[in-house]
Amino acid sequence: MSNKLIKSGLIFSSMTLLSRVLGLVRDVVIANILGTGVSADVFLFANRIPNFLRRLFAEGAFSKAFVPVLAEYNADGELDKTREFIAKVSGTLGGLVTIITLVAMIGSPIVAALFGTGWFVDWLNGGADAEKFTQASLLLKITFPYLWFITFVALSGAILNTIGKFGVMGFSPVLLNVAIIGVALFGADYFPSTDIALAFGVFLGGLLQFLFQIPFLKKEKLLVKPKWAWRDEGVTKVRRLMIPALFGVSVTQVNLLLNQVIASFLVTGSISWLYYSDRLIEFPLGLFGIAISTVVLPSLSKIAKKKDIDDLQRQAQFNQTMDWGVRMVLLLGIPAMIGIALLAQPLLMTIFMRGKFQLSDVVAASHSLTVMCFGLISYMMISILANGFYANQNTKTPVKIGIIAAISNICFGLLAIPFGYIGLAMASALSAAVNATLLYRGLSQRGIYKLSKKTIIFSLKLLISALLMGAVVNYFSPTLQQWYSLTLLGRIHWLAWLILLAAGLYFGCLVLLGLRKKDFRAE
């Protein structure tokens, strides 16, 4: 089991790495041509809304509800029964998302007013940000079909992940990044404005991802004709699991969206600074946290439904797999948190500072990025710990915890308004900590999962090594003015040297502290 999990994790992480690298290239292009002005705020706003719904409705809640039920059907080994179940789920889910997409496109001004309240108020009063509201309403009409495409991508990805084909879903986001980059570099002149061109890039990216999945489903004989079946037994089970999970699994995204509403009342650039900070946080989160969570959930679901072993054996295997997931995300999550916080300014400067993205934007975004780093481990742990409930088809507990975390985020956000966008970043980090803490307490109280002594000792070794690594990196890192005086190649050289130094020191310390191959095993 351990070797299979590691192999699956490496496949998904390698595909995710490629996607994240291209995602950074995409953001570099966007930062270069839009900067952090009005057009940037509006495009990033219009892009975040359908992406929020994608994570909330398609990838997040749906996957967590669908995978455990699909595992039940696969356990019987009857392909026709599995195909029928997939047809009914895809038809029902697709029908609902079609309605949501059409309503959102028609009512895009309402959506823009709901999530960009500050801009809407300015539009009503003829204020300075009135233009943002009208342009956001237009761009939402273009970007919302992405939700429709990506819903079916998420469905096919969940199916393929359940049968061990992790590479397809891991690679799919590459096509979105390629589409946006391609339109930005070669198609922008054919559109009225650059932000409209980028919005069409999002549309094209969703279409390409949708078409990419089809041959792989056909090869596995799982490409079926969708059927509407609202009251089907399997669909009903997914629906009942999914409805509470809609909130619980994506509380992080809810928090980010609430922050965006508050940010619409702040100075121009706030949304952009938070976005670029979030993008750098998303890199390790997707590469380590979400990737490990994705490969662990099918294994946990299969263990939870095993009928050929007794309860004690099942619980032992479940706990070992959860423990493995926690150790793997902490192994790379802890040094990533410390490293990004220390190198926030040079990272932003090297990656984004060109064109309309200036040094002042680097400094502003670095403040929110440093604060967001404090929530990185919590974000990663949420993705792993929530699986303990979803694998057992318990979505009610995560939703209760999610509600508490969302309320705490609102309270933290309101208290942090005097601190501007930096306060919003801190609110997200604190609410993520609340969410992760309550998830672990819930698992522990129910006897589903408790950290083993092995994992606790392992984590302490990670923390000691990462702190030592951070102290050395901080000592050798140039000052902001020194970074600014370097050429792009000079910055890349320094960053590469510091990262290699950090990696060597970190893993060297772990070896000295007794880290061995056995610590990576799930059994």
Protein backbone atom coordinates (compact mmCIF):
# COMPACT_ATOMS: atom_id res chain seq x y z
CA MET A 1 0.00 0.00 0.00
CA SER A 2 2.75 2.44 0.94
CA ASN A 3 4.65 2.04 -2.35
CA LYS A 4 1.44 2.43 -4.33
CA LEU A 5 0.56 5.63 -2.44
CA ILE A 6 4.04 7.03 -2.95
CA LYS A 7 3.93 6.21 -6.68
CA SER A 8 0.49 7.76 -7.07
CA GLY A 9 1.59 10.80 -5.09
CA LEU A 10 4.68 11.25 -7.26
CA ILE A 11 2.66 10.96 -10.49
CA PHE A 12 0.04 13.45 -9.36
CA SER A 13 2.61 15.81 -7.85
CA SER A 14 4.76 15.78 -10.99
CA MET A 15 1.76 16.67 -13.13
CA THR A 16 0.72 19.27 -10.58
CA LEU A 17 4.26 20.69 -10.57
CA LEU A 18 4.11 21.18 -14.33
CA SER A 19 0.71 22.85 -13.98
CA ARG A 20 1.86 25.10 -11.13
CA VAL A 21 4.98 26.17 -13.01
CA LEU A 22 2.89 27.11 -16.03
CA GLY A 23 0.44 28.76 -13.64
CA LEU A 24 3.24 30.98 -12.40
CA VAL A 25 4.20 31.75 -16.01
CA ARG A 26 0.57 32.68 -16.63
CA ASP A 27 0.54 34.98 -13.62
CA VAL A 28 3.82 36.55 -14.73
CA VAL A 29 2.21 37.35 -18.09
CA ILE A 30 -0.90 38.76 -16.40
CA ALA A 31 1.18 40.85 -13.97
CA ASN A 32 3.28 42.15 -16.87
CA ILE A 33 0.37 43.31 -19.03
CA LEU A 34 -2.13 44.30 -16.32
CA GLY A 35 -0.07 45.18 -13.24
CA THR A 36 -2.24 45.85 -10.17
CA GLY A 37 -4.54 48.53 -11.60
CA VAL A 38 -8.23 48.61 -12.47
CA SER A 39 -8.05 46.02 -15.29
CA ALA A 40 -6.12 43.61 -13.08
CA ASP A 41 -8.57 43.89 -10.19
CA VAL A 42 -11.54 43.35 -12.52
CA PHE A 43 -10.11 40.36 -14.40
CA LEU A 44 -8.92 38.62 -11.24
CA PHE A 45 -12.35 39.24 -9.72
CA ALA A 46 -14.17 37.81 -12.76
CA ASN A 47 -11.85 34.82 -12.82
CA ARG A 48 -12.16 34.05 -9.11
CA ILE A 49 -15.97 33.77 -9.00
CA PRO A 50 -16.35 30.77 -11.37
CA ASN A 51 -13.16 29.28 -9.90
CA PHE A 52 -14.70 29.59 -6.45
CA LEU A 53 -17.81 27.74 -7.62
CA ARG A 54 -15.63 25.15 -9.36
CA ARG A 55 -13.82 24.31 -6.12
CA LEU A 56 -16.97 24.55 -4.07
CA PHE A 57 -19.37 22.70 -6.36
CA ALA A 58 -17.37 20.60 -8.82
CA GLU A 59 -13.94 19.59 -7.56
CA GLY A 60 -14.38 20.08 -3.85
CA ALA A 61 -17.73 18.97 -2.49
CA PHE A 62 -18.57 16.74 -5.43
CA SER A 63 -15.31 14.78 -5.38
CA LYS A 64 -15.50 14.24 -1.62
CA ALA A 65 -19.05 12.91 -1.92
CA PHE A 66 -18.68 11.04 -5.22
CA VAL A 67 -15.42 9.12 -4.70
CA PRO A 68 -16.52 7.09 -1.61
CA VAL A 69 -19.80 6.09 -3.30
CA LEU A 70 -18.04 5.20 -6.56
CA ALA A 71 -15.63 3.06 -4.53
CA GLU A 72 -18.64 1.04 -3.35
CA TYR A 73 -19.75 0.40 -6.93
CA ASN A 74 -16.22 -0.50 -8.03
CA ALA A 75 -15.89 -2.92 -5.12
CA ASP A 76 -18.56 -5.15 -6.72
CA GLY A 77 -16.54 -5.41 -9.97
CA GLU A 78 -19.65 -4.94 -12.15
CA LEU A 79 -18.69 -2.53 -14.97
CA ASP A 80 -22.25 -2.08 -16.27
CA LYS A 81 -23.49 -1.10 -12.81
CA THR A 82 -20.65 1.40 -12.46
CA ARG A 83 -21.32 2.86 -15.93
CA GLU A 84 -25.00 3.32 -15.11
CA PHE A 85 -24.14 5.08 -11.87
CA ILE A 86 -21.71 7.43 -13.67
CA ALA A 87 -24.32 8.20 -16.35
CA LYS A 88 -26.92 9.18 -13.78
CA VAL A 89 -24.53 11.27 -11.69
CA SER A 90 -23.13 13.10 -14.72
CA GLY A 91 -26.60 13.81 -16.10
CA THR A 92 -27.94 15.12 -12.80
CA LEU A 93 -24.87 17.16 -11.89
CA GLY A 94 -24.54 18.44 -15.45
CA GLY A 95 -28.16 19.54 -15.53
CA LEU A 96 -27.83 21.52 -12.32
CA VAL A 97 -24.58 23.19 -13.38
CA THR A 98 -26.07 24.11 -16.76
CA ILE A 99 -28.89 25.97 -15.04
CA ILE A 100 -26.47 27.69 -12.62
CA THR A 101 -24.17 28.74 -15.47
CA LEU A 102 -26.95 30.18 -17.62
CA VAL A 103 -28.53 32.05 -14.70
CA ALA A 104 -25.16 33.47 -13.67
CA MET A 105 -24.37 34.64 -17.21
CA ILE A 106 -27.73 36.35 -17.59
CA GLY A 107 -27.59 37.81 -14.10
CA SER A 108 -23.89 38.70 -14.12
CA PRO A 109 -24.57 42.27 -12.83
CA ILE A 110 -26.24 40.75 -9.76
CA VAL A 111 -23.27 38.44 -9.20
CA ALA A 112 -20.87 41.39 -9.60
CA ALA A 113 -22.91 43.43 -7.12
CA LEU A 114 -23.04 40.56 -4.63
CA PHE A 115 -19.30 39.84 -4.57
CA GLY A 116 -18.02 43.29 -5.51
CA THR A 117 -20.29 45.30 -3.27
CA GLY A 118 -17.88 48.19 -2.95
CA TRP A 119 -17.76 48.65 -6.72
CA PHE A 120 -21.54 48.41 -6.98
CA VAL A 121 -21.97 51.14 -4.35
CA ASP A 122 -19.58 53.35 -6.34
CA TRP A 123 -21.54 52.62 -9.52
CA LEU A 124 -24.79 53.69 -7.86
CA ASN A 125 -23.20 56.89 -6.59
CA GLY A 126 -21.09 57.65 -9.65
CA GLY A 127 -17.87 57.00 -7.70
CA ALA A 128 -14.35 56.31 -8.86
CA ASP A 129 -14.80 52.52 -9.02
CA ALA A 130 -18.03 52.55 -11.06
CA GLU A 131 -16.09 51.36 -14.12
CA LYS A 132 -14.98 48.24 -12.23
CA PHE A 133 -18.57 47.14 -11.68
CA THR A 134 -19.65 47.45 -15.33
CA GLN A 135 -16.52 45.74 -16.65
CA ALA A 136 -16.78 42.94 -14.08
CA SER A 137 -20.38 42.28 -15.17
CA LEU A 138 -19.20 41.88 -18.76
CA LEU A 139 -16.25 39.62 -17.97
CA LEU A 140 -18.38 37.31 -15.82
CA LYS A 141 -20.53 36.52 -18.87
CA ILE A 142 -17.38 35.28 -20.61
CA THR A 143 -15.74 33.39 -17.74
CA PHE A 144 -18.78 31.63 -16.25
CA PRO A 145 -19.00 28.87 -18.93
CA TYR A 146 -15.68 27.70 -17.49
CA LEU A 147 -17.71 26.36 -14.56
CA TRP A 148 -19.72 24.14 -16.90
CA PHE A 149 -16.64 22.69 -18.60
CA ILE A 150 -14.67 22.14 -15.43
CA THR A 151 -17.58 20.37 -13.70
CA PHE A 152 -17.33 17.51 -16.18
CA VAL A 153 -13.53 17.64 -15.94
CA ALA A 154 -13.84 17.21 -12.17
CA LEU A 155 -16.27 14.29 -12.67
CA SER A 156 -14.01 12.47 -15.11
CA GLY A 157 -10.98 13.22 -12.93
CA ALA A 158 -12.69 11.71 -9.88
CA ILE A 159 -13.54 8.60 -11.91
CA LEU A 160 -10.01 8.17 -13.22
CA ASN A 161 -8.46 8.88 -9.81
CA THR A 162 -10.62 6.17 -8.25
CA ILE A 163 -9.20 3.56 -10.66
CA GLY A 164 -5.65 4.80 -10.07
CA LYS A 165 -5.21 7.02 -13.18
CA PHE A 166 -4.00 10.17 -11.42
CA GLY A 167 -1.91 11.66 -14.22
CA VAL A 168 -4.81 12.80 -16.41
CA MET A 169 -6.42 15.06 -13.82
CA GLY A 170 -3.03 16.29 -12.70
CA PHE A 171 -2.15 17.37 -16.25
CA SER A 172 -5.50 18.95 -17.18
CA PRO A 173 -4.85 22.39 -15.59
CA VAL A 174 -1.81 22.73 -17.86
CA LEU A 175 -4.22 23.28 -20.76
CA LEU A 176 -5.92 26.19 -18.97
CA ASN A 177 -2.58 27.88 -18.35
CA VAL A 178 -1.47 27.33 -21.94
CA ALA A 179 -4.74 28.80 -23.25
CA ILE A 180 -4.51 31.97 -21.13
CA ILE A 181 -0.82 32.47 -21.93
CA GLY A 182 -1.45 31.90 -25.63
CA VAL A 183 -4.34 34.37 -25.82
CA ALA A 184 -2.42 36.96 -23.79
CA LEU A 185 0.69 36.78 -25.94
CA PHE A 186 -0.77 36.21 -29.39
CA GLY A 187 -4.47 37.12 -29.33
CA ALA A 188 -4.83 40.23 -27.16
CA ASP A 189 -4.72 42.59 -30.15
CA TYR A 190 -7.91 41.03 -31.53
CA PHE A 191 -10.01 42.04 -28.50
CA PRO A 192 -11.27 45.45 -27.29
CA SER A 193 -9.13 45.23 -24.13
CA THR A 194 -6.57 42.92 -22.56
CA ASP A 195 -8.82 41.86 -19.68
CA ILE A 196 -11.50 40.73 -22.17
CA ALA A 197 -8.86 38.74 -24.07
CA LEU A 198 -7.78 37.00 -20.85
CA ALA A 199 -11.42 36.20 -20.02
CA PHE A 200 -11.75 34.42 -23.38
CA GLY A 201 -8.52 32.59 -22.52
CA VAL A 202 -10.27 31.19 -19.44
CA PHE A 203 -13.20 30.06 -21.61
CA LEU A 204 -10.85 28.35 -24.09
CA GLY A 205 -8.91 26.68 -21.28
CA GLY A 206 -12.07 25.14 -19.87
CA LEU A 207 -13.05 23.80 -23.30
CA LEU A 208 -9.64 22.23 -23.88
CA GLN A 209 -9.67 20.51 -20.47
CA PHE A 210 -13.15 19.15 -21.19
CA LEU A 211 -12.13 17.69 -24.57
CA PHE A 212 -8.88 16.28 -23.16
CA GLN A 213 -10.69 13.94 -20.73
CA ILE A 214 -12.86 12.20 -23.30
CA PRO A 215 -10.32 9.77 -24.86
CA PHE A 216 -9.16 8.52 -21.46
CA LEU A 217 -12.70 7.81 -20.27
CA LYS A 218 -13.40 6.02 -23.55
CA LYS A 219 -10.28 3.88 -23.16
CA GLU A 220 -11.46 2.73 -19.72
CA LYS A 221 -14.97 2.07 -21.10
CA LEU A 222 -16.38 4.70 -18.75
CA LEU A 223 -17.51 7.27 -21.31
CA VAL A 224 -21.30 7.20 -20.97
CA LYS A 225 -24.34 9.17 -22.06
CA PRO A 226 -25.55 11.39 -19.19
CA LYS A 227 -29.00 10.69 -17.73
CA TRP A 228 -31.12 12.81 -15.43
CA ALA A 229 -31.85 10.71 -12.32
CA TRP A 230 -32.49 12.95 -9.32
CA ARG A 231 -34.13 10.20 -7.26
CA ASP A 232 -31.76 7.35 -8.15
CA GLU A 233 -30.38 5.58 -5.05
CA GLY A 234 -26.73 6.25 -5.90
CA VAL A 235 -27.38 9.84 -6.97
CA THR A 236 -29.38 10.45 -3.82
CA LYS A 237 -26.52 9.18 -1.68
CA VAL A 238 -24.05 11.46 -3.49
CA ARG A 239 -26.49 14.35 -3.22
CA ARG A 240 -27.02 13.88 0.50
CA LEU A 241 -23.28 13.69 1.08
CA MET A 242 -22.59 16.60 -1.22
CA ILE A 243 -25.04 19.18 0.08
CA PRO A 244 -23.36 19.64 3.49
CA ALA A 245 -19.93 19.19 1.90
CA LEU A 246 -20.63 22.19 -0.36
CA PHE A 247 -19.71 24.34 2.59
CA GLY A 248 -17.45 22.18 4.69
CA VAL A 249 -14.89 21.12 2.08
CA SER A 250 -14.31 24.58 0.64
CA VAL A 251 -14.33 26.87 3.64
CA THR A 252 -10.95 28.21 2.54
CA GLN A 253 -12.48 29.36 -0.74
CA VAL A 254 -15.47 30.87 1.07
CA ASN A 255 -13.05 32.80 3.25
CA LEU A 256 -11.11 34.09 0.26
CA LEU A 257 -14.35 35.17 -1.42
CA LEU A 258 -15.54 36.99 1.69
CA ASN A 259 -12.18 38.72 1.80
CA GLN A 260 -12.70 39.79 -1.80
CA VAL A 261 -16.03 41.40 -0.90
CA ILE A 262 -14.31 43.38 1.86
CA ALA A 263 -11.35 44.15 -0.44
CA SER A 264 -13.71 45.76 -2.96
CA PHE A 265 -14.09 48.59 -0.41
CA LEU A 266 -10.31 49.04 -0.09
CA VAL A 267 -7.82 50.89 -2.28
CA THR A 268 -7.24 49.82 -5.87
CA GLY A 269 -4.65 47.07 -5.92
CA SER A 270 -5.85 45.26 -2.79
CA ILE A 271 -7.47 42.42 -4.74
CA SER A 272 -4.39 42.09 -6.95
CA TRP A 273 -1.92 42.06 -4.03
CA LEU A 274 -3.95 39.38 -2.28
CA TYR A 275 -4.23 37.41 -5.52
CA TYR A 276 -0.49 37.29 -6.21
CA SER A 277 0.17 36.38 -2.59
CA ASP A 278 -2.40 33.62 -2.82
CA ARG A 279 -0.85 32.31 -6.03
CA LEU A 280 2.49 31.69 -4.33
CA ILE A 281 0.72 30.01 -1.41
CA GLU A 282 -1.28 27.87 -3.84
CA PHE A 283 1.94 26.51 -5.37
CA PRO A 284 3.04 24.37 -2.40
CA LEU A 285 -0.57 23.85 -1.31
CA GLY A 286 -1.49 22.25 -4.64
CA LEU A 287 1.82 20.48 -5.09
CA PHE A 288 1.95 18.88 -1.64
CA GLY A 289 -1.34 19.32 0.23
CA ILE A 290 -4.00 18.79 -2.42
CA ALA A 291 -1.92 16.26 -4.37
CA ILE A 292 -1.42 14.02 -1.31
CA SER A 293 -5.05 14.48 -0.27
CA THR A 294 -6.23 13.46 -3.74
CA VAL A 295 -4.32 10.17 -3.75
CA VAL A 296 -5.17 9.37 -0.12
CA LEU A 297 -8.97 9.71 -0.35
CA PRO A 298 -9.59 6.71 -2.67
CA SER A 299 -7.39 4.53 -0.45
CA LEU A 300 -9.19 5.64 2.70
CA SER A 301 -12.58 5.04 1.05
CA LYS A 302 -11.59 1.51 0.05
CA ILE A 303 -10.27 0.74 3.53
CA ALA A 304 -13.48 2.04 5.13
CA LYS A 305 -15.54 -0.35 2.97
CA LYS A 306 -13.37 -3.44 3.34
CA LYS A 307 -15.41 -6.49 4.31
CA ASP A 308 -12.65 -9.12 4.44
CA ILE A 309 -10.95 -7.81 7.62
CA ASP A 310 -12.14 -7.14 11.17
CA ASP A 311 -12.77 -3.69 12.65
CA LEU A 312 -9.42 -3.48 14.46
CA GLN A 313 -7.46 -4.24 11.29
CA ARG A 314 -9.55 -1.79 9.31
CA GLN A 315 -9.00 0.96 11.87
CA ALA A 316 -5.27 0.26 11.98
CA GLN A 317 -4.96 0.52 8.19
CA PHE A 318 -7.09 3.66 8.14
CA ASN A 319 -4.98 5.32 10.84
CA GLN A 320 -1.72 4.35 9.11
CA THR A 321 -2.88 5.86 5.80
CA MET A 322 -4.03 9.08 7.47
CA ASP A 323 -0.72 9.24 9.36
CA TRP A 324 1.20 8.83 6.11
CA GLY A 325 -0.75 11.70 4.52
CA VAL A 326 -0.05 14.00 7.47
CA ARG A 327 3.67 13.19 7.46
CA MET A 328 4.02 13.78 3.73
CA VAL A 329 2.34 17.20 3.74
CA LEU A 330 4.32 18.33 6.77
CA LEU A 331 7.59 17.06 5.28
CA LEU A 332 7.46 19.70 2.55
CA GLY A 333 4.83 22.06 3.96
CA ILE A 334 6.83 23.21 7.01
CA PRO A 335 9.99 24.23 5.08
CA ALA A 336 7.83 25.78 2.34
CA MET A 337 6.04 27.93 4.93
CA ILE A 338 9.28 29.22 6.46
CA GLY A 339 11.09 29.58 3.14
CA ILE A 340 8.34 31.56 1.38
CA ALA A 341 7.89 33.85 4.37
CA LEU A 342 11.61 34.68 4.44
CA LEU A 343 11.96 35.05 0.68
CA ALA A 344 8.61 36.74 -0.01
CA GLN A 345 10.06 39.91 -1.53
CA PRO A 346 12.74 38.32 -3.75
CA LEU A 347 10.25 35.70 -4.95
CA LEU A 348 7.67 38.31 -5.92
CA MET A 349 10.36 40.53 -7.42
CA THR A 350 11.88 37.75 -9.51
CA ILE A 351 8.62 36.23 -10.69
CA PHE A 352 6.32 39.21 -11.19
CA MET A 353 8.25 42.52 -11.21
CA ARG A 354 8.20 43.62 -14.85
CA GLY A 355 5.98 45.73 -17.05
CA LYS A 356 3.23 47.31 -14.96
CA PHE A 357 4.12 45.38 -11.79
CA GLN A 358 6.42 47.72 -9.88
CA LEU A 359 8.63 47.56 -6.76
CA SER A 360 5.85 49.16 -4.71
CA ASP A 361 3.60 46.24 -5.69
CA VAL A 362 6.30 43.79 -4.63
CA VAL A 363 6.52 45.36 -1.18
CA ALA A 364 2.73 45.55 -0.79
CA ALA A 365 2.14 41.95 -1.90
CA SER A 366 5.02 40.65 0.24
CA HIS A 367 3.26 41.83 3.41
CA SER A 368 0.13 39.79 2.69
CA LEU A 369 2.20 36.83 1.44
CA THR A 370 4.23 36.67 4.65
CA VAL A 371 1.04 36.71 6.72
CA MET A 372 -0.60 34.04 4.53
CA CYS A 373 2.38 31.73 5.12
CA PHE A 374 1.25 31.33 8.72
CA GLY A 375 -1.87 29.58 7.43
CA LEU A 376 -0.17 27.29 4.90
CA ILE A 377 0.15 24.27 7.21
CA SER A 378 -3.47 24.69 8.32
CA TYR A 379 -4.65 24.78 4.69
CA MET A 380 -2.72 21.57 3.98
CA MET A 381 -3.97 19.82 7.09
CA ILE A 382 -7.58 20.68 6.26
CA SER A 383 -7.29 18.85 2.94
CA ILE A 384 -5.95 15.73 4.67
CA LEU A 385 -8.04 15.70 7.86
CA ALA A 386 -11.35 16.27 6.09
CA ASN A 387 -10.74 13.02 4.18
CA GLY A 388 -11.09 11.12 7.45
CA PHE A 389 -14.76 12.14 7.54
CA TYR A 390 -15.50 11.91 3.82
CA ALA A 391 -14.06 8.41 3.47
CA ASN A 392 -16.60 7.32 6.11
CA GLN A 393 -19.35 9.21 4.24
CA ASN A 394 -19.70 11.73 7.06
CA THR A 395 -20.10 15.20 5.56
CA LYS A 396 -22.19 16.73 8.34
CA THR A 397 -19.33 17.14 10.80
CA PRO A 398 -17.03 18.99 8.37
CA VAL A 399 -19.86 21.34 7.44
CA LYS A 400 -20.49 22.23 11.09
CA ILE A 401 -16.80 22.88 11.51
CA GLY A 402 -16.77 24.83 8.27
CA ILE A 403 -19.55 27.08 9.48
CA ILE A 404 -17.62 27.84 12.67
CA ALA A 405 -14.48 28.58 10.66
CA ALA A 406 -16.37 30.81 8.21
CA ILE A 407 -17.98 32.77 11.04
CA SER A 408 -14.57 33.14 12.67
CA ASN A 409 -13.18 34.41 9.36
CA ILE A 410 -15.90 37.04 9.11
CA CYS A 411 -15.22 38.14 12.69
CA PHE A 412 -11.46 38.19 12.14
CA GLY A 413 -11.97 40.04 8.85
CA LEU A 414 -14.17 42.73 10.37
CA LEU A 415 -11.74 43.21 13.24
CA ALA A 416 -8.88 43.45 10.75
CA ILE A 417 -10.44 46.12 8.49
CA PRO A 418 -8.22 48.87 10.01
CA PHE A 419 -5.20 46.87 8.79
CA GLY A 420 -6.49 46.76 5.20
CA TYR A 421 -5.66 43.86 2.91
CA ILE A 422 -2.97 42.59 5.33
CA GLY A 423 -5.64 42.14 7.98
CA LEU A 424 -7.70 40.10 5.51
CA ALA A 425 -4.74 37.80 4.90
CA MET A 426 -4.35 37.28 8.65
CA ALA A 427 -8.09 36.58 9.00
CA SER A 428 -7.82 33.77 6.42
CA ALA A 429 -4.81 32.25 8.18
CA LEU A 430 -6.49 32.32 11.59
CA SER A 431 -9.76 30.84 10.36
CA ALA A 432 -7.83 28.05 8.61
CA ALA A 433 -6.14 27.25 11.93
CA VAL A 434 -9.56 27.10 13.60
CA ASN A 435 -10.84 24.77 10.88
CA ALA A 436 -7.87 22.38 11.04
CA THR A 437 -7.91 22.26 14.85
CA LEU A 438 -11.61 21.44 15.02
CA LEU A 439 -11.32 18.79 12.28
CA TYR A 440 -8.56 16.99 14.19
CA ARG A 441 -10.47 17.23 17.47
CA GLY A 442 -13.55 15.76 15.78
CA LEU A 443 -11.59 12.83 14.34
CA SER A 444 -9.89 12.20 17.67
CA GLN A 445 -13.08 12.30 19.72
CA ARG A 446 -14.77 9.81 17.36
CA GLY A 447 -11.82 7.45 17.43
CA ILE A 448 -11.36 7.81 13.68
CA TYR A 449 -7.82 9.15 13.74
CA LYS A 450 -5.18 10.25 16.23
CA LEU A 451 -1.64 11.34 15.53
CA SER A 452 0.73 8.47 16.25
CA LYS A 453 3.82 8.89 18.38
CA LYS A 454 5.87 8.23 15.26
CA THR A 455 4.25 11.17 13.44
CA ILE A 456 4.61 13.54 16.41
CA ILE A 457 8.35 12.80 16.70
CA PHE A 458 8.68 13.03 12.92
CA SER A 459 7.00 16.47 12.96
CA LEU A 460 9.29 17.78 15.71
CA LYS A 461 12.31 16.75 13.64
CA LEU A 462 10.83 18.60 10.66
CA LEU A 463 10.27 21.76 12.68
CA ILE A 464 13.77 21.80 14.19
CA SER A 465 15.37 21.26 10.78
CA ALA A 466 13.19 23.89 9.10
CA LEU A 467 13.93 26.53 11.77
CA LEU A 468 17.65 25.96 11.42
CA MET A 469 17.28 26.14 7.65
CA GLY A 470 15.36 29.43 7.97
CA ALA A 471 18.01 31.00 10.20
CA VAL A 472 20.77 30.23 7.69
CA VAL A 473 18.72 31.43 4.70
CA ASN A 474 17.86 34.66 6.49
CA TYR A 475 21.54 35.23 7.32
CA PHE A 476 22.75 34.84 3.73
CA SER A 477 19.81 36.53 1.96
CA PRO A 478 20.56 40.02 0.49
CA THR A 479 18.60 43.10 1.55
CA LEU A 480 15.68 44.43 -0.51
CA GLN A 481 17.83 47.13 -2.09
CA GLN A 482 20.48 44.57 -2.98
CA TRP A 483 17.85 42.34 -4.57
CA TYR A 484 16.49 45.32 -6.49
CA SER A 485 19.93 46.26 -7.84
CA LEU A 486 20.45 42.78 -9.31
CA THR A 487 19.53 41.83 -12.86
CA LEU A 488 16.84 39.20 -13.44
CA LEU A 489 19.51 36.53 -14.00
CA GLY A 490 21.27 37.70 -10.85
CA ARG A 491 18.08 37.30 -8.81
CA ILE A 492 17.43 33.86 -10.28
CA HIS A 493 21.01 32.85 -9.47
CA TRP A 494 20.73 34.03 -5.85
CA LEU A 495 17.33 32.41 -5.34
CA ALA A 496 18.52 29.13 -6.82
CA TRP A 497 21.59 29.17 -4.57
CA LEU A 498 19.52 29.94 -1.47
CA ILE A 499 16.92 27.28 -2.28
CA LEU A 500 19.59 24.63 -2.89
CA LEU A 501 21.33 25.64 0.34
CA ALA A 502 18.02 25.45 2.21
CA ALA A 503 17.12 22.03 0.76
CA GLY A 504 20.53 20.57 1.48
CA LEU A 505 20.57 21.93 5.03
CA TYR A 506 16.99 20.84 5.75
CA PHE A 507 17.33 17.25 4.60
CA GLY A 508 20.85 17.01 6.01
CA CYS A 509 19.50 17.98 9.43
CA LEU A 510 16.71 15.42 9.11
CA VAL A 511 19.25 12.68 8.42
CA LEU A 512 21.30 13.78 11.42
CA LEU A 513 18.14 13.72 13.53
CA GLY A 514 17.48 10.13 12.51
CA LEU A 515 15.10 10.37 9.53
CA ARG A 516 15.13 7.07 7.69
CA LYS A 517 13.33 5.35 4.81
CA LYS A 518 10.91 3.65 7.19
CA ASP A 519 9.47 7.06 8.14
CA PHE A 520 7.96 7.33 4.65
CA ARG A 521 6.03 4.08 4.91
CA ALA A 522 2.33 3.87 5.63
CA GLU A 523 2.43 0.44 7.20
